[in-house]
Amino acid sequence: MDTQMKELIAIGASVTANCVLCLRHHIIQAKKAGIDDDHIQEAVEVGRMVRKDAAASWDEEADALLCLESAIGDAQESADEGSGCKNI
């Protein structure tokens, strides 16, 4: 893998990891390696997509765990009332 590809991957990973210092470093390195602004922007956008999907998955998992906890605590209520949780 060449330096340009590594820097583009590092840019996307930096965005996904929310690491501002990493992103600054890798954008500078990418420009030194001759990568144009359009490709850098594309790598940033890929990182944003990955971060967004990962965050959504974590949010869904947190909601499911909260609903599970609620369901356990409400176990004595009637089944008709339910826990108010869509995921169970």
C-alpha atoms as a PDB file:
ATOM      1  CA  MET A   1       0.000   0.000   0.000  1.00  0.00           C
ATOM      2  CA  ASP A   2       1.433   3.373  -0.929  1.00  0.00           C
ATOM      3  CA  THR A   3       1.733   6.474   1.275  1.00  0.00           C
ATOM      4  CA  GLN A   4      -1.219   8.231  -0.346  1.00  0.00           C
ATOM      5  CA  MET A   5      -3.573   5.332   0.324  1.00  0.00           C
ATOM      6  CA  LYS A   6      -2.361   5.059   3.932  1.00  0.00           C
ATOM      7  CA  GLU A   7      -2.972   8.766   4.526  1.00  0.00           C
ATOM      8  CA  LEU A   8      -6.466   8.637   3.038  1.00  0.00           C
ATOM      9  CA  ILE A   9      -7.305   5.683   5.269  1.00  0.00           C
ATOM     10  CA  ALA A  10      -5.811   7.508   8.266  1.00  0.00           C
ATOM     11  CA  ILE A  11      -7.950  10.576   7.493  1.00  0.00           C
ATOM     12  CA  GLY A  12     -11.127   8.495   7.433  1.00  0.00           C
ATOM     13  CA  ALA A  13     -10.104   6.669  10.608  1.00  0.00           C
ATOM     14  CA  SER A  14      -9.315   9.972  12.344  1.00  0.00           C
ATOM     15  CA  VAL A  15     -12.788  11.296  11.570  1.00  0.00           C
ATOM     16  CA  THR A  16     -14.391   8.055  12.724  1.00  0.00           C
ATOM     17  CA  ALA A  17     -12.400   8.166  15.978  1.00  0.00           C
ATOM     18  CA  ASN A  18     -13.216  11.865  16.542  1.00  0.00           C
ATOM     19  CA  CYS A  19      -9.492  12.594  16.834  1.00  0.00           C
ATOM     20  CA  VAL A  20      -8.925  16.221  15.833  1.00  0.00           C
ATOM     21  CA  LEU A  21      -5.153  16.091  16.342  1.00  0.00           C
ATOM     22  CA  CYS A  22      -4.922  12.933  14.231  1.00  0.00           C
ATOM     23  CA  LEU A  23      -7.023  14.494  11.480  1.00  0.00           C
ATOM     24  CA  ARG A  24      -4.855  17.624  11.381  1.00  0.00           C
ATOM     25  CA  HIS A  25      -1.687  15.546  11.207  1.00  0.00           C
ATOM     26  CA  HIS A  26      -2.938  13.253   8.453  1.00  0.00           C
ATOM     27  CA  ILE A  27      -4.360  16.066   6.328  1.00  0.00           C
ATOM     28  CA  ILE A  28      -0.954  17.776   6.440  1.00  0.00           C
ATOM     29  CA  GLN A  29       0.770  14.493   5.573  1.00  0.00           C
ATOM     30  CA  ALA A  30      -1.723  13.850   2.769  1.00  0.00           C
ATOM     31  CA  LYS A  31      -1.045  17.240   1.213  1.00  0.00           C
ATOM     32  CA  LYS A  32       2.709  16.624   1.495  1.00  0.00           C
ATOM     33  CA  ALA A  33       2.147  13.304  -0.297  1.00  0.00           C
ATOM     34  CA  GLY A  34       0.442  15.143  -3.159  1.00  0.00           C
ATOM     35  CA  ILE A  35      -3.169  14.217  -2.455  1.00  0.00           C
ATOM     36  CA  ASP A  36      -5.624  16.777  -3.790  1.00  0.00           C
ATOM     37  CA  ASP A  37      -8.350  18.406  -1.708  1.00  0.00           C
ATOM     38  CA  ASP A  38     -11.151  16.475  -3.428  1.00  0.00           C
ATOM     39  CA  HIS A  39      -9.683  13.128  -2.371  1.00  0.00           C
ATOM     40  CA  ILE A  40      -9.073  14.381   1.168  1.00  0.00           C
ATOM     41  CA  GLN A  41     -12.692  15.568   1.358  1.00  0.00           C
ATOM     42  CA  GLU A  42     -13.870  12.188   0.098  1.00  0.00           C
ATOM     43  CA  ALA A  43     -11.887  10.423   2.841  1.00  0.00           C
ATOM     44  CA  VAL A  44     -13.444  12.758   5.432  1.00  0.00           C
ATOM     45  CA  GLU A  45     -16.919  11.939   4.107  1.00  0.00           C
ATOM     46  CA  VAL A  46     -16.257   8.193   4.285  1.00  0.00           C
ATOM     47  CA  GLY A  47     -15.135   8.617   7.912  1.00  0.00           C
ATOM     48  CA  ARG A  48     -18.318  10.561   8.667  1.00  0.00           C
ATOM     49  CA  MET A  49     -20.484   7.814   7.170  1.00  0.00           C
ATOM     50  CA  VAL A  50     -18.727   5.130   9.206  1.00  0.00           C
ATOM     51  CA  ARG A  51     -18.959   7.218  12.395  1.00  0.00           C
ATOM     52  CA  LYS A  52     -22.644   7.930  11.810  1.00  0.00           C
ATOM     53  CA  ASP A  53     -23.495   4.253  11.252  1.00  0.00           C
ATOM     54  CA  ALA A  54     -21.417   3.171  14.237  1.00  0.00           C
ATOM     55  CA  ALA A  55     -23.067   5.776  16.484  1.00  0.00           C
ATOM     56  CA  ALA A  56     -26.519   4.691  15.334  1.00  0.00           C
ATOM     57  CA  SER A  57     -25.687   1.067  16.162  1.00  0.00           C
ATOM     58  CA  TRP A  58     -24.487   2.048  19.634  1.00  0.00           C
ATOM     59  CA  ASP A  59     -27.619   4.128  20.194  1.00  0.00           C
ATOM     60  CA  GLU A  60     -29.803   1.181  19.216  1.00  0.00           C
ATOM     61  CA  GLU A  61     -27.855  -1.104  21.550  1.00  0.00           C
ATOM     62  CA  ALA A  62     -28.138   1.359  24.430  1.00  0.00           C
ATOM     63  CA  ASP A  63     -31.891   1.664  23.854  1.00  0.00           C
ATOM     64  CA  ALA A  64     -32.251  -2.114  23.786  1.00  0.00           C
ATOM     65  CA  LEU A  65     -30.283  -2.476  27.019  1.00  0.00           C
ATOM     66  CA  LEU A  66     -32.327   0.230  28.716  1.00  0.00           C
ATOM     67  CA  CYS A  67     -35.527  -1.496  27.596  1.00  0.00           C
ATOM     68  CA  LEU A  68     -34.253  -4.823  28.889  1.00  0.00           C
ATOM     69  CA  GLU A  69     -33.469  -3.249  32.259  1.00  0.00           C
ATOM     70  CA  SER A  70     -36.907  -1.662  32.310  1.00  0.00           C
ATOM     71  CA  ALA A  71     -38.553  -4.964  31.430  1.00  0.00           C
ATOM     72  CA  ILE A  72     -36.761  -6.732  34.266  1.00  0.00           C
ATOM     73  CA  GLY A  73     -37.810  -4.036  36.743  1.00  0.00           C
ATOM     74  CA  ASP A  74     -41.397  -4.105  35.522  1.00  0.00           C
ATOM     75  CA  ALA A  75     -41.717  -7.896  35.508  1.00  0.00           C
ATOM     76  CA  GLN A  76     -44.457  -7.781  38.138  1.00  0.00           C
ATOM     77  CA  GLU A  77     -46.716  -5.635  35.952  1.00  0.00           C
ATOM     78  CA  SER A  78     -49.260  -7.345  33.779  1.00  0.00           C
ATOM     79  CA  ALA A  79     -48.245  -8.478  30.306  1.00  0.00           C
ATOM     80  CA  ASP A  80     -50.936  -6.229  28.822  1.00  0.00           C
ATOM     81  CA  GLU A  81     -49.241  -3.108  30.139  1.00  0.00           C
ATOM     82  CA  GLY A  82     -45.805  -4.133  28.815  1.00  0.00           C
ATOM     83  CA  SER A  83     -42.606  -2.201  29.365  1.00  0.00           C
ATOM     84  CA  GLY A  84     -43.269   0.462  26.766  1.00  0.00           C
ATOM     85  CA  CYS A  85     -40.278  -0.765  24.844  1.00  0.00           C
ATOM     86  CA  LYS A  86     -40.486  -1.392  21.109  1.00  0.00           C
ATOM     87  CA  ASN A  87     -37.401  -3.637  21.037  1.00  0.00           C
ATOM     88  CA  ILE A  88     -38.755  -6.389  23.273  1.00  0.00           C
END
